[in-house]
């Protein structure tokens, strides 16, 4: 799998970002999508025509309102494609919602 850390424009000036907990799934359009947690508390998405890459940065995952999916410091994305629908599951830090000591 090939995805260069400097391809993500949000991190290019800093020399790139860490790519953690990657998951790749073939989308309904036949292309391959790489979902990953970056070191900026977001889930990034890159796309490729082949499962081994190279992958090109697409964007970060956003909520329906267009805001970055950032509540609770999302991590460990998992993708499931079923009958043409794409489902994204992720972990989060519940203390972001429950307060200190949660």
Foldseek 3Di string as FASTA:
>chain_A
DAEDQLLPVVCVVVPGWDWAQWDWDQAPVQKIWIWTQTPVLFIWIWIANDPVDDTGTDGTDADPVRHTPRQQSWHNWDWDADPRDIDIDTDGHCCSVVPPPD
